[in-house]
Amino acid sequence: MTTAHEIETTEPAETDHLKAVEFCRESYANIQTELAKVVVGQGGVLEEILIAIFTRSHALLVGVPGLAKTLMISTLAQTLQMSFKRVQFTPDLMPSDITGTEVIYSDQTTGEKQFKFLPGPLFANIVLADEINRTPPKTQAAMLEAMQERRVTVGGNSYILPKPFFVLATQNPLEQEGTYPLPEAQLDRFMFLVNVGYPTLEDELQIMRMGTGGMAIEQPQPILSIDQILYIQETVKLIPVPEHVYRYAQRIAACTRPKQADALDVCKKYLTFGAGPRASLSLIIAAKAHALIHGQVFINCANVAAVAPAIMRHRIAVNFMAQSEGITADDIVRMILEKIPQDEPLG
């Protein structure tokens, strides 16, 4: 079997395609195994985070405190051998606190004074933006600009962020007083909105045993290097997409637009606005990575459907009627997937 350390990080075109797919599948399985040494359960959450990483995208994690979001992300950075920084967002956090700032530097030999840039915590491979909705819009905008451009501008100079670069942000859904919720246009910058739920009863018992000294905790081992992560990102691009899968993804996004002629009745009834083109693009890219980590050499509609909830739930807005009937964005996405057929090409 191919291991993460045996495969050469050459251009994907020079590597056998089946070998590349098997490498990605085994790498994903090995990462899951290593994370399980520290984090109990949450396999679906980890899958969506890894898909975001393998597609050069970002993810927003939403869940109540104490669900191991920070532990999962820091441990994942360790298994991927990437630098990790955590930023606790607060109402007094300024853009320069995350991007970095220029200070006056005096040369000891010449005495000449000049500005020197001191990088902020954004200069890491994985950045955990903890409770991003607690900081004012100006600082949120600085973070989102870095996510999009993968660089920061300070004092008129641009500084490139390290490669690869990922932002994994968290939000606490319970406390809304004194917070600054991300606008819908900024939420669209995140490929995934990942719901982090409570553990199962058995998982919670295991967490108690591990956390109180009842079980030995193993240290996770490194699985991938940065070069190998970049290699997987290039391999994702090579997964072929049949035409009917393109049409299936486009139909999922287009049918949510309530004022369009091809919108589904449920969307016309319950949605204020629907998903834009970034949603259909994300559906295809994420479906490619989903197929790859499960050992498929091509993608089908089932891969698109598997990633659709996390991609669509923050790109559609339910109206007052839906709220009064207790219908959520996830319910709407589930109804859409039930109504749009997978198996046959769409005309």
Protein backbone atom coordinates (compact mmCIF):
# COMPACT_ATOMS: atom_id res chain seq x y z
CA MET A 1 0.00 0.00 0.00
CA THR A 2 1.16 3.52 -0.77
CA THR A 3 1.98 5.67 2.25
CA ALA A 4 2.21 9.42 2.61
CA HIS A 5 6.00 9.20 2.81
CA GLU A 6 6.52 6.91 -0.18
CA ILE A 7 4.85 8.96 -2.88
CA GLU A 8 6.87 11.68 -4.56
CA THR A 9 5.38 15.16 -4.63
CA THR A 10 5.77 15.61 -8.38
CA GLU A 11 3.37 17.25 -10.79
CA PRO A 12 0.06 15.33 -10.94
CA ALA A 13 0.42 14.90 -14.71
CA GLU A 14 3.59 12.88 -14.14
CA THR A 15 2.00 10.56 -11.57
CA ASP A 16 -0.27 7.65 -12.29
CA HIS A 17 -3.83 8.81 -11.67
CA LEU A 18 -4.96 5.70 -9.84
CA LYS A 19 -1.93 5.86 -7.57
CA ALA A 20 -2.68 9.50 -6.81
CA VAL A 21 -6.30 8.73 -5.92
CA GLU A 22 -5.23 5.86 -3.65
CA PHE A 23 -2.69 8.10 -1.95
CA CYS A 24 -5.36 10.72 -1.22
CA ARG A 25 -7.79 8.09 0.10
CA GLU A 26 -5.18 6.53 2.39
CA SER A 27 -3.99 9.93 3.60
CA TYR A 28 -7.53 10.86 4.57
CA ALA A 29 -8.05 7.57 6.40
CA ASN A 30 -4.73 7.96 8.24
CA ILE A 31 -5.60 11.51 9.30
CA GLN A 32 -8.94 10.30 10.68
CA THR A 33 -7.11 7.60 12.63
CA GLU A 34 -4.61 10.03 14.13
CA LEU A 35 -7.28 12.59 15.06
CA ALA A 36 -9.30 9.86 16.79
CA LYS A 37 -6.45 9.53 19.31
CA VAL A 38 -7.31 12.98 20.66
CA VAL A 39 -10.77 13.97 19.39
CA VAL A 40 -13.69 11.63 19.99
CA GLY A 41 -16.28 11.42 17.22
CA GLN A 42 -16.93 14.42 14.93
CA GLY A 43 -15.89 12.42 11.86
CA GLY A 44 -18.29 14.34 9.60
CA VAL A 45 -16.94 17.67 10.84
CA LEU A 46 -13.37 16.59 10.16
CA GLU A 47 -14.31 15.40 6.68
CA GLU A 48 -15.73 18.81 5.77
CA ILE A 49 -12.71 20.64 7.22
CA LEU A 50 -10.32 18.44 5.21
CA ILE A 51 -12.34 18.98 2.03
CA ALA A 52 -11.97 22.74 2.61
CA ILE A 53 -8.21 22.32 3.04
CA PHE A 54 -7.82 20.09 -0.01
CA THR A 55 -9.70 22.66 -2.14
CA ARG A 56 -7.80 25.76 -0.90
CA SER A 57 -10.94 27.02 0.83
CA HIS A 58 -12.07 28.16 4.26
CA ALA A 59 -14.67 26.91 6.73
CA LEU A 60 -16.85 28.44 9.43
CA LEU A 61 -17.61 26.16 12.39
CA VAL A 62 -20.76 26.84 14.39
CA GLY A 63 -21.38 25.11 17.71
CA VAL A 64 -21.81 25.67 21.40
CA PRO A 65 -18.69 25.91 23.60
CA GLY A 66 -16.92 22.77 24.74
CA LEU A 67 -17.25 20.68 21.57
CA ALA A 68 -13.47 20.45 20.94
CA LYS A 69 -13.44 22.79 17.94
CA THR A 70 -10.12 24.37 18.95
CA LEU A 71 -8.60 21.03 19.92
CA MET A 72 -9.63 19.47 16.61
CA ILE A 73 -8.11 22.26 14.52
CA SER A 74 -4.84 22.47 16.46
CA THR A 75 -4.43 18.68 16.35
CA LEU A 76 -5.21 18.67 12.63
CA ALA A 77 -2.47 21.25 12.05
CA GLN A 78 -0.08 18.95 13.90
CA THR A 79 -0.93 15.92 11.74
CA LEU A 80 -0.55 18.03 8.60
CA GLN A 81 2.74 19.56 9.81
CA MET A 82 1.49 23.10 9.26
CA SER A 83 2.02 26.18 11.38
CA PHE A 84 -0.99 27.11 13.51
CA LYS A 85 -2.13 30.37 15.12
CA ARG A 86 -5.22 31.03 17.20
CA VAL A 87 -6.79 34.49 17.36
CA GLN A 88 -9.41 35.18 20.01
CA PHE A 89 -11.67 37.81 18.49
CA THR A 90 -12.84 40.53 20.89
CA PRO A 91 -14.70 43.83 20.45
CA ASP A 92 -11.47 45.83 20.85
CA LEU A 93 -9.41 43.83 18.32
CA MET A 94 -7.97 46.06 15.59
CA PRO A 95 -7.04 45.03 12.01
CA SER A 96 -3.33 45.55 12.73
CA ASP A 97 -3.61 43.08 15.61
CA ILE A 98 -4.13 40.27 13.09
CA THR A 99 -2.37 41.50 9.95
CA GLY A 100 0.74 42.89 11.62
CA THR A 101 2.16 46.38 11.92
CA GLU A 102 5.17 48.49 10.98
CA VAL A 103 7.53 49.67 13.69
CA ILE A 104 10.51 52.02 13.56
CA TYR A 105 13.72 50.03 13.48
CA SER A 106 17.15 51.52 14.15
CA ASP A 107 20.17 49.87 12.53
CA GLN A 108 22.80 49.28 15.24
CA THR A 109 25.75 49.84 12.89
CA THR A 110 24.65 52.84 10.80
CA GLY A 111 22.12 54.37 13.17
CA GLU A 112 19.73 54.69 10.24
CA LYS A 113 16.05 54.42 11.14
CA GLN A 114 13.52 52.71 8.94
CA PHE A 115 10.18 50.95 9.14
CA LYS A 116 10.18 47.22 9.75
CA PHE A 117 7.13 45.00 9.32
CA LEU A 118 6.23 42.69 12.19
CA PRO A 119 3.89 39.93 10.90
CA GLY A 120 0.66 39.28 12.78
CA PRO A 121 -0.99 35.93 13.53
CA LEU A 122 -2.42 35.72 10.00
CA PHE A 123 1.04 34.60 8.86
CA ALA A 124 0.46 30.91 9.50
CA ASN A 125 -0.77 27.97 7.44
CA ILE A 126 -3.87 27.41 9.58
CA VAL A 127 -5.48 30.33 11.39
CA LEU A 128 -8.23 29.68 13.91
CA ALA A 129 -10.43 32.79 14.12
CA ASP A 130 -12.18 32.06 17.39
CA GLU A 131 -15.62 33.68 17.73
CA ILE A 132 -15.21 35.82 14.63
CA ASN A 133 -18.62 37.42 15.25
CA ARG A 134 -17.31 39.13 18.42
CA THR A 135 -15.11 41.61 16.58
CA PRO A 136 -16.21 44.79 14.73
CA PRO A 137 -16.77 44.80 10.94
CA LYS A 138 -13.47 46.62 10.25
CA THR A 139 -11.43 43.76 11.70
CA GLN A 140 -13.71 41.16 10.10
CA ALA A 141 -13.09 42.87 6.74
CA ALA A 142 -9.31 42.64 7.21
CA MET A 143 -9.64 38.92 7.89
CA LEU A 144 -11.90 38.31 4.91
CA GLU A 145 -9.62 40.30 2.60
CA ALA A 146 -6.72 38.08 3.62
CA MET A 147 -8.87 35.00 2.98
CA GLN A 148 -9.72 36.16 -0.53
CA GLU A 149 -6.45 37.72 -1.65
CA ARG A 150 -4.09 35.57 0.48
CA ARG A 151 -2.08 38.65 1.24
CA VAL A 152 -2.26 41.68 3.54
CA THR A 153 -1.49 45.33 2.88
CA VAL A 154 0.15 47.39 5.61
CA GLY A 155 1.58 50.87 5.11
CA GLY A 156 1.08 50.65 1.35
CA ASN A 157 3.10 47.43 1.07
CA SER A 158 1.64 44.01 0.29
CA TYR A 159 2.84 40.89 2.08
CA ILE A 160 2.08 37.42 0.76
CA LEU A 161 0.66 34.94 3.24
CA PRO A 162 2.26 31.48 3.49
CA LYS A 163 1.14 28.62 1.29
CA PRO A 164 -1.07 26.83 1.98
CA PHE A 165 -3.28 29.25 3.94
CA PHE A 166 -6.59 28.37 5.56
CA VAL A 167 -8.94 30.20 7.89
CA LEU A 168 -11.10 28.06 10.14
CA ALA A 169 -13.42 30.43 11.99
CA THR A 170 -15.84 29.64 14.81
CA GLN A 171 -19.09 31.21 15.96
CA ASN A 172 -21.02 30.67 19.16
CA PRO A 173 -24.73 30.44 18.22
CA LEU A 174 -25.94 31.01 21.79
CA GLU A 175 -24.71 34.51 22.58
CA GLN A 176 -25.78 37.32 20.25
CA GLU A 177 -25.61 40.29 22.66
CA GLY A 178 -22.68 42.53 21.83
CA THR A 179 -21.72 40.55 18.73
CA TYR A 180 -21.30 41.52 15.10
CA PRO A 181 -22.83 38.76 12.96
CA LEU A 182 -21.13 38.28 9.61
CA PRO A 183 -23.20 39.73 6.73
CA GLU A 184 -24.46 37.25 4.15
CA ALA A 185 -22.02 38.56 1.53
CA GLN A 186 -19.11 37.82 3.88
CA LEU A 187 -20.47 34.42 4.88
CA ASP A 188 -20.31 33.56 1.17
CA ARG A 189 -16.50 33.70 1.41
CA PHE A 190 -16.54 30.50 3.44
CA MET A 191 -16.96 27.36 1.36
CA PHE A 192 -18.47 25.43 4.28
CA LEU A 193 -20.59 26.34 7.25
CA VAL A 194 -19.98 23.33 9.47
CA ASN A 195 -22.48 22.53 12.22
CA VAL A 196 -20.60 21.01 15.17
CA GLY A 197 -23.12 18.98 17.16
CA TYR A 198 -23.18 17.27 20.53
CA PRO A 199 -21.41 13.91 20.87
CA THR A 200 -23.32 10.66 21.09
CA LEU A 201 -23.83 9.07 24.51
CA GLU A 202 -21.02 6.57 23.95
CA ASP A 203 -18.68 9.26 22.62
CA GLU A 204 -19.37 11.43 25.66
CA LEU A 205 -18.52 8.55 27.98
CA GLN A 206 -15.22 8.09 26.15
CA ILE A 207 -14.52 11.83 26.42
CA MET A 208 -15.06 11.59 30.18
CA ARG A 209 -12.70 8.64 30.49
CA MET A 210 -9.98 10.36 28.45
CA GLY A 211 -10.39 13.69 30.19
CA THR A 212 -10.26 12.31 33.72
CA GLY A 213 -7.28 10.00 33.36
CA GLY A 214 -9.29 6.82 32.84
CA MET A 215 -7.77 6.22 29.40
CA ALA A 216 -4.29 6.76 27.99
CA ILE A 217 -4.13 9.47 25.34
CA GLU A 218 -1.82 8.77 22.41
CA GLN A 219 0.00 11.54 20.60
CA PRO A 220 -1.07 11.94 16.95
CA GLN A 221 1.65 11.38 14.36
CA PRO A 222 2.35 13.59 11.31
CA ILE A 223 0.71 12.27 8.14
CA LEU A 224 1.25 14.83 5.38
CA SER A 225 3.83 17.48 4.60
CA ILE A 226 3.04 20.86 3.10
CA ASP A 227 4.31 19.70 -0.31
CA GLN A 228 1.99 16.70 -0.18
CA ILE A 229 -0.98 18.89 0.71
CA LEU A 230 -0.22 21.08 -2.30
CA TYR A 231 0.03 17.88 -4.35
CA ILE A 232 -3.44 16.78 -3.22
CA GLN A 233 -4.83 20.21 -4.08
CA GLU A 234 -3.50 19.82 -7.63
CA THR A 235 -4.87 16.27 -7.85
CA VAL A 236 -8.36 17.52 -6.93
CA LYS A 237 -8.33 19.75 -10.02
CA LEU A 238 -7.73 16.72 -12.29
CA ILE A 239 -10.85 14.78 -11.27
CA PRO A 240 -13.11 14.73 -14.38
CA VAL A 241 -16.69 15.98 -14.11
CA PRO A 242 -19.48 14.62 -16.35
CA GLU A 243 -21.74 17.20 -17.94
CA HIS A 244 -24.87 16.01 -16.11
CA VAL A 245 -23.09 16.52 -12.76
CA TYR A 246 -22.36 20.13 -13.72
CA ARG A 247 -26.04 20.55 -14.53
CA TYR A 248 -27.11 18.88 -11.30
CA ALA A 249 -24.98 21.27 -9.20
CA GLN A 250 -26.19 24.26 -11.20
CA ARG A 251 -29.80 23.20 -10.70
CA ILE A 252 -29.33 22.93 -6.91
CA ALA A 253 -28.05 26.51 -6.75
CA ALA A 254 -30.42 28.02 -9.31
CA CYS A 255 -33.60 26.54 -7.85
CA THR A 256 -33.05 28.47 -4.59
CA ARG A 257 -33.47 31.87 -6.26
CA PRO A 258 -37.10 32.66 -5.43
CA LYS A 259 -37.65 35.27 -8.16
CA GLN A 260 -36.27 33.10 -10.95
CA ALA A 261 -38.58 31.11 -13.20
CA ASP A 262 -36.86 27.77 -12.46
CA ALA A 263 -37.05 28.17 -8.67
CA LEU A 264 -38.73 25.34 -6.80
CA ASP A 265 -42.06 26.11 -5.16
CA VAL A 266 -40.64 25.45 -1.70
CA CYS A 267 -37.95 28.07 -2.35
CA LYS A 268 -40.43 30.62 -3.65
CA LYS A 269 -42.50 30.09 -0.52
CA TYR A 270 -39.81 30.05 2.17
CA LEU A 271 -36.72 31.93 0.92
CA THR A 272 -35.91 35.64 0.82
CA PHE A 273 -32.94 35.12 -1.49
CA GLY A 274 -31.01 32.18 -2.86
CA ALA A 275 -27.46 31.08 -3.59
CA GLY A 276 -25.21 32.78 -6.11
CA PRO A 277 -22.76 31.33 -8.65
CA ARG A 278 -20.09 30.81 -5.96
CA ALA A 279 -22.36 28.10 -4.53
CA SER A 280 -22.51 26.07 -7.75
CA LEU A 281 -18.76 26.46 -8.19
CA SER A 282 -18.15 25.28 -4.62
CA LEU A 283 -20.47 22.31 -5.10
CA ILE A 284 -18.32 20.98 -7.93
CA ILE A 285 -14.96 21.70 -6.29
CA ALA A 286 -16.00 20.18 -2.98
CA ALA A 287 -17.58 17.17 -4.70
CA LYS A 288 -14.25 16.50 -6.44
CA ALA A 289 -12.44 16.40 -3.10
CA HIS A 290 -15.21 14.29 -1.57
CA ALA A 291 -14.82 11.74 -4.36
CA LEU A 292 -11.04 11.77 -4.05
CA ILE A 293 -10.86 11.07 -0.32
CA HIS A 294 -13.27 8.16 -0.81
CA GLY A 295 -11.13 6.58 -3.53
CA GLN A 296 -13.22 7.54 -6.58
CA VAL A 297 -11.54 8.44 -9.87
CA PHE A 298 -14.57 10.46 -11.01
CA ILE A 299 -17.43 12.31 -9.35
CA ASN A 300 -21.16 11.70 -9.55
CA CYS A 301 -24.28 13.46 -8.34
CA ALA A 302 -24.10 11.66 -4.99
CA ASN A 303 -20.83 13.45 -4.21
CA VAL A 304 -22.50 16.79 -4.92
CA ALA A 305 -25.45 15.90 -2.70
CA ALA A 306 -23.10 14.86 0.12
CA VAL A 307 -21.44 18.28 0.32
CA ALA A 308 -24.54 20.36 -0.50
CA PRO A 309 -25.85 21.01 3.06
CA ALA A 310 -22.61 22.55 4.36
CA ILE A 311 -22.22 24.63 1.19
CA MET A 312 -25.81 25.82 0.85
CA ARG A 313 -27.04 26.42 4.41
CA HIS A 314 -25.35 29.82 4.78
CA ARG A 315 -26.06 30.95 1.23
CA ILE A 316 -29.85 30.95 1.46
CA ALA A 317 -32.03 33.06 3.75
CA VAL A 318 -35.33 31.78 5.09
CA ASN A 319 -38.20 34.28 5.36
CA PHE A 320 -40.60 35.01 8.21
CA MET A 321 -43.04 32.33 7.08
CA ALA A 322 -40.36 29.66 7.31
CA GLN A 323 -39.25 30.88 10.72
CA SER A 324 -42.81 30.87 12.03
CA GLU A 325 -43.23 27.26 10.87
CA GLY A 326 -39.89 26.19 12.32
CA ILE A 327 -38.33 25.49 8.92
CA THR A 328 -34.57 25.97 8.75
CA ALA A 329 -32.12 26.40 5.88
CA ASP A 330 -31.07 22.76 6.37
CA ASP A 331 -34.69 21.69 5.93
CA ILE A 332 -34.88 23.62 2.65
CA VAL A 333 -31.68 22.01 1.35
CA ARG A 334 -32.98 18.57 2.29
CA MET A 335 -36.24 19.23 0.38
CA ILE A 336 -34.25 20.43 -2.64
CA LEU A 337 -32.12 17.27 -2.71
CA GLU A 338 -35.28 15.16 -2.48
CA LYS A 339 -36.91 16.92 -5.42
CA ILE A 340 -33.97 17.06 -7.86
CA PRO A 341 -33.12 13.65 -9.35
CA GLN A 342 -29.51 12.45 -9.29
CA ASP A 343 -29.34 9.58 -11.72
CA GLU A 344 -30.32 11.07 -15.05
CA PRO A 345 -28.76 14.01 -16.88
CA LEU A 346 -30.82 17.15 -16.58
CA GLY A 347 -31.99 18.89 -19.71
